[in-house]
C-alpha atoms as a PDB file:
ATOM      1  CA  MET A   1      45.963  27.963 -17.328  1.00  0.00           C
ATOM      2  CA  ARG A   2      44.278  28.204 -20.522  1.00  0.00           C
ATOM      3  CA  ILE A   3      40.899  26.473 -20.951  1.00  0.00           C
ATOM      4  CA  THR A   4      39.596  25.448 -24.161  1.00  0.00           C
ATOM      5  CA  GLY A   5      36.228  24.621 -24.027  1.00  0.00           C
ATOM      6  CA  PRO A   6      33.914  21.188 -22.704  1.00  0.00           C
ATOM      7  CA  ASN A   7      35.724  18.881 -25.333  1.00  0.00           C
ATOM      8  CA  GLY A   8      39.486  19.718 -25.002  1.00  0.00           C
ATOM      9  CA  PRO A   9      41.821  20.694 -27.792  1.00  0.00           C
ATOM     10  CA  ALA A  10      40.527  18.075 -30.306  1.00  0.00           C
ATOM     11  CA  ALA A  11      37.191  19.899 -30.316  1.00  0.00           C
ATOM     12  CA  PRO A  12      35.828  19.700 -33.817  1.00  0.00           C
ATOM     13  CA  THR A  13      35.259  22.963 -35.024  1.00  0.00           C
ATOM     14  CA  ALA A  14      32.360  24.149 -37.406  1.00  0.00           C
ATOM     15  CA  THR A  15      33.265  26.939 -40.231  1.00  0.00           C
ATOM     16  CA  ILE A  16      30.799  29.848 -39.885  1.00  0.00           C
ATOM     17  CA  VAL A  17      30.305  31.778 -42.801  1.00  0.00           C
ATOM     18  CA  ALA A  18      28.472  35.295 -43.077  1.00  0.00           C
ATOM     19  CA  ARG A  19      26.693  35.643 -46.300  1.00  0.00           C
ATOM     20  CA  ARG A  20      25.897  39.617 -47.082  1.00  0.00           C
ATOM     21  CA  SER A  21      23.428  40.749 -49.229  1.00  0.00           C
ATOM     22  CA  ALA A  22      24.149  43.605 -51.972  1.00  0.00           C
ATOM     23  CA  SER A  23      21.435  45.947 -49.795  1.00  0.00           C
ATOM     24  CA  GLY A  24      23.520  45.672 -46.608  1.00  0.00           C
ATOM     25  CA  SER A  25      20.506  44.476 -44.379  1.00  0.00           C
ATOM     26  CA  PHE A  26      21.452  42.110 -41.734  1.00  0.00           C
ATOM     27  CA  SER A  27      21.458  38.561 -42.060  1.00  0.00           C
ATOM     28  CA  LEU A  28      22.041  35.384 -39.687  1.00  0.00           C
ATOM     29  CA  PRO A  29      25.615  33.439 -40.304  1.00  0.00           C
ATOM     30  CA  GLN A  30      24.816  30.132 -41.842  1.00  0.00           C
ATOM     31  CA  GLU A  31      26.751  26.903 -40.886  1.00  0.00           C
ATOM     32  CA  GLU A  32      28.295  24.774 -43.275  1.00  0.00           C
ATOM     33  CA  ALA A  33      28.945  20.981 -42.693  1.00  0.00           C
ATOM     34  CA  ALA A  34      31.206  20.494 -39.270  1.00  0.00           C
ATOM     35  CA  ALA A  35      34.308  18.760 -39.937  1.00  0.00           C
ATOM     36  CA  ALA A  36      34.228  15.059 -38.773  1.00  0.00           C
ATOM     37  CA  PRO A  37      35.701  14.623 -35.288  1.00  0.00           C
ATOM     38  CA  SER A  38      39.218  13.514 -35.152  1.00  0.00           C
ATOM     39  CA  GLY A  39      40.414  11.067 -32.457  1.00  0.00           C
ATOM     40  CA  ALA A  40      37.850  10.013 -29.565  1.00  0.00           C
ATOM     41  CA  GLY A  41      34.442  11.046 -30.396  1.00  0.00           C
ATOM     42  CA  GLY A  42      33.379  14.024 -28.152  1.00  0.00           C
ATOM     43  CA  VAL A  43      31.680  13.843 -24.372  1.00  0.00           C
ATOM     44  CA  ARG A  44      27.476  13.295 -25.090  1.00  0.00           C
ATOM     45  CA  MET A  45      25.685  15.083 -22.153  1.00  0.00           C
ATOM     46  CA  VAL A  46      23.241  11.939 -20.784  1.00  0.00           C
ATOM     47  CA  GLY A  47      20.631  13.923 -19.111  1.00  0.00           C
ATOM     48  CA  GLY A  48      21.076  17.536 -19.966  1.00  0.00           C
ATOM     49  CA  ILE A  49      20.340  20.153 -17.655  1.00  0.00           C
ATOM     50  CA  ASP A  50      17.620  18.122 -15.844  1.00  0.00           C
ATOM     51  CA  ALA A  51      20.393  15.523 -14.391  1.00  0.00           C
ATOM     52  CA  LEU A  52      22.636  18.476 -13.390  1.00  0.00           C
ATOM     53  CA  ILE A  53      19.804  20.453 -11.261  1.00  0.00           C
ATOM     54  CA  ALA A  54      18.924  16.661  -9.675  1.00  0.00           C
ATOM     55  CA  LEU A  55      22.650  16.066  -8.916  1.00  0.00           C
ATOM     56  CA  GLN A  56      22.901  19.401  -6.971  1.00  0.00           C
ATOM     57  CA  GLY A  57      19.911  18.671  -4.755  1.00  0.00           C
ATOM     58  CA  VAL A  58      21.842  15.199  -3.665  1.00  0.00           C
ATOM     59  CA  GLU A  59      23.596  15.577  -0.736  1.00  0.00           C
ATOM     60  CA  SER A  60      26.016  13.001   0.857  1.00  0.00           C
ATOM     61  CA  VAL A  61      26.031  11.606   3.895  1.00  0.00           C
ATOM     62  CA  GLU A  62      29.082  13.159   5.139  1.00  0.00           C
ATOM     63  CA  GLU A  63      27.889  16.602   3.936  1.00  0.00           C
ATOM     64  CA  ARG A  64      24.530  16.196   6.021  1.00  0.00           C
ATOM     65  CA  ARG A  65      26.585  15.425   9.149  1.00  0.00           C
ATOM     66  CA  ARG A  66      29.047  17.774   8.540  1.00  0.00           C
ATOM     67  CA  ARG A  67      26.276  20.798   8.273  1.00  0.00           C
ATOM     68  CA  ALA A  68      24.390  18.933  11.130  1.00  0.00           C
ATOM     69  CA  VAL A  69      27.468  19.633  13.481  1.00  0.00           C
ATOM     70  CA  LYS A  70      27.984  22.920  12.387  1.00  0.00           C
ATOM     71  CA  ARG A  71      24.262  24.097  13.262  1.00  0.00           C
ATOM     72  CA  GLY A  72      25.120  22.320  16.931  1.00  0.00           C
ATOM     73  CA  HIS A  73      28.166  24.205  17.565  1.00  0.00           C
ATOM     74  CA  THR A  74      26.446  27.589  16.232  1.00  0.00           C
ATOM     75  CA  ALA A  75      23.574  26.717  18.682  1.00  0.00           C
ATOM     76  CA  LEU A  76      26.019  26.125  21.794  1.00  0.00           C
ATOM     77  CA  ASP A  77      28.052  29.294  20.757  1.00  0.00           C
ATOM     78  CA  LEU A  78      24.485  31.275  20.782  1.00  0.00           C
ATOM     79  CA  LEU A  79      23.657  29.530  24.344  1.00  0.00           C
ATOM     80  CA  ASP A  80      27.201  30.811  25.706  1.00  0.00           C
ATOM     81  CA  GLU A  81      26.385  34.238  24.362  1.00  0.00           C
ATOM     82  CA  MET A  82      22.764  34.483  25.885  1.00  0.00           C
ATOM     83  CA  LYS A  83      24.689  33.235  29.366  1.00  0.00           C
ATOM     84  CA  LEU A  84      27.005  35.765  29.095  1.00  0.00           C
ATOM     85  CA  GLY A  85      24.338  38.651  28.178  1.00  0.00           C
ATOM     86  CA  LEU A  86      22.281  37.227  31.079  1.00  0.00           C
ATOM     87  CA  LEU A  87      25.413  37.398  33.631  1.00  0.00           C
ATOM     88  CA  SER A  88      26.272  41.165  32.399  1.00  0.00           C
ATOM     89  CA  GLY A  89      22.379  42.248  32.412  1.00  0.00           C
ATOM     90  CA  GLY A  90      22.362  43.242  28.668  1.00  0.00           C
ATOM     91  CA  LEU A  91      20.237  40.600  26.975  1.00  0.00           C
ATOM     92  CA  ASP A  92      20.110  41.374  23.291  1.00  0.00           C
ATOM     93  CA  GLN A  93      16.740  40.799  21.273  1.00  0.00           C
ATOM     94  CA  ALA A  94      18.755  40.191  17.937  1.00  0.00           C
ATOM     95  CA  MET A  95      20.884  37.690  19.884  1.00  0.00           C
ATOM     96  CA  LEU A  96      17.134  35.979  21.178  1.00  0.00           C
ATOM     97  CA  LEU A  97      16.135  35.745  17.343  1.00  0.00           C
ATOM     98  CA  ARG A  98      19.543  34.115  15.854  1.00  0.00           C
ATOM     99  CA  LEU A  99      18.849  31.416  18.966  1.00  0.00           C
ATOM    100  CA  LYS A 100      15.612  30.861  17.547  1.00  0.00           C
ATOM    101  CA  ALA A 101      16.369  30.514  14.276  1.00  0.00           C
ATOM    102  CA  ALA A 102      19.165  28.189  15.130  1.00  0.00           C
ATOM    103  CA  ALA A 103      16.948  26.136  17.174  1.00  0.00           C
ATOM    104  CA  ALA A 104      14.609  25.385  14.129  1.00  0.00           C
ATOM    105  CA  GLY A 105      17.597  24.464  12.164  1.00  0.00           C
ATOM    106  CA  LEU A 106      18.616  21.693  14.870  1.00  0.00           C
ATOM    107  CA  LYS A 107      15.223  20.047  13.564  1.00  0.00           C
ATOM    108  CA  ASP A 108      17.097  18.619  10.249  1.00  0.00           C
ATOM    109  CA  LEU A 109      18.577  14.967  10.611  1.00  0.00           C
ATOM    110  CA  SER A 110      21.756  14.621   9.841  1.00  0.00           C
ATOM    111  CA  GLY A 111      21.482  10.646   8.884  1.00  0.00           C
ATOM    112  CA  ASP A 112      23.798   9.845  11.776  1.00  0.00           C
ATOM    113  CA  PRO A 113      21.749   8.568  15.002  1.00  0.00           C
ATOM    114  CA  ARG A 114      24.444   9.777  17.566  1.00  0.00           C
ATOM    115  CA  VAL A 115      24.770  13.369  15.818  1.00  0.00           C
ATOM    116  CA  ASP A 116      20.956  13.561  15.768  1.00  0.00           C
ATOM    117  CA  GLN A 117      20.393  12.683  19.414  1.00  0.00           C
ATOM    118  CA  VAL A 118      23.245  15.290  20.110  1.00  0.00           C
ATOM    119  CA  LEU A 119      21.342  17.935  18.198  1.00  0.00           C
ATOM    120  CA  ALA A 120      18.062  16.760  19.919  1.00  0.00           C
ATOM    121  CA  GLU A 121      19.886  17.529  23.491  1.00  0.00           C
ATOM    122  CA  ILE A 122      20.786  20.716  22.107  1.00  0.00           C
ATOM    123  CA  ASP A 123      17.266  22.008  20.897  1.00  0.00           C
ATOM    124  CA  ARG A 124      15.857  20.769  24.328  1.00  0.00           C
ATOM    125  CA  ARG A 125      18.257  23.141  25.851  1.00  0.00           C
ATOM    126  CA  VAL A 126      17.838  25.898  23.382  1.00  0.00           C
ATOM    127  CA  GLU A 127      14.051  25.813  23.995  1.00  0.00           C
ATOM    128  CA  VAL A 128      14.668  25.516  27.845  1.00  0.00           C
ATOM    129  CA  GLU A 129      16.354  28.595  27.996  1.00  0.00           C
ATOM    130  CA  LEU A 130      14.211  30.571  25.174  1.00  0.00           C
ATOM    131  CA  ALA A 131      11.172  29.694  27.512  1.00  0.00           C
ATOM    132  CA  LYS A 132      12.838  30.941  30.773  1.00  0.00           C
ATOM    133  CA  VAL A 133      13.607  34.360  29.000  1.00  0.00           C
ATOM    134  CA  GLU A 134      10.103  34.738  27.448  1.00  0.00           C
ATOM    135  CA  SER A 135       8.268  33.841  30.986  1.00  0.00           C
ATOM    136  CA  ALA A 136      10.728  36.326  32.775  1.00  0.00           C
ATOM    137  CA  ALA A 137       9.652  39.076  30.067  1.00  0.00           C
ATOM    138  CA  ALA A 138       5.960  38.457  30.537  1.00  0.00           C
END
């Protein structure tokens, strides 16, 4: 696949001429007058880099919901891992730290009230289990 640049194959080109002096010192190339664009005009950037940065921060409702569901699944998986650790007698401190980090991520809203309600219930369960472990350790 060949990529020809932002304006495609019909992009206007500018002729660059390097001028050299007799002394052999460095000089910058100077552009001559650019040729007139043929066909449709080139694409103009409306907002520039600021608009691109702003668009990167915009997240759709579906994307927020998907990420929230993923955080919920991660927290449930960590709760299962914690249960297995308690049953086997080998509760790992690193797993508890991951569970605390997952609990912090559950506080972000997804935009869907049903998903937010389920995440709140998962968060409550995580907090209860962490409190149980901390009280047993004390």
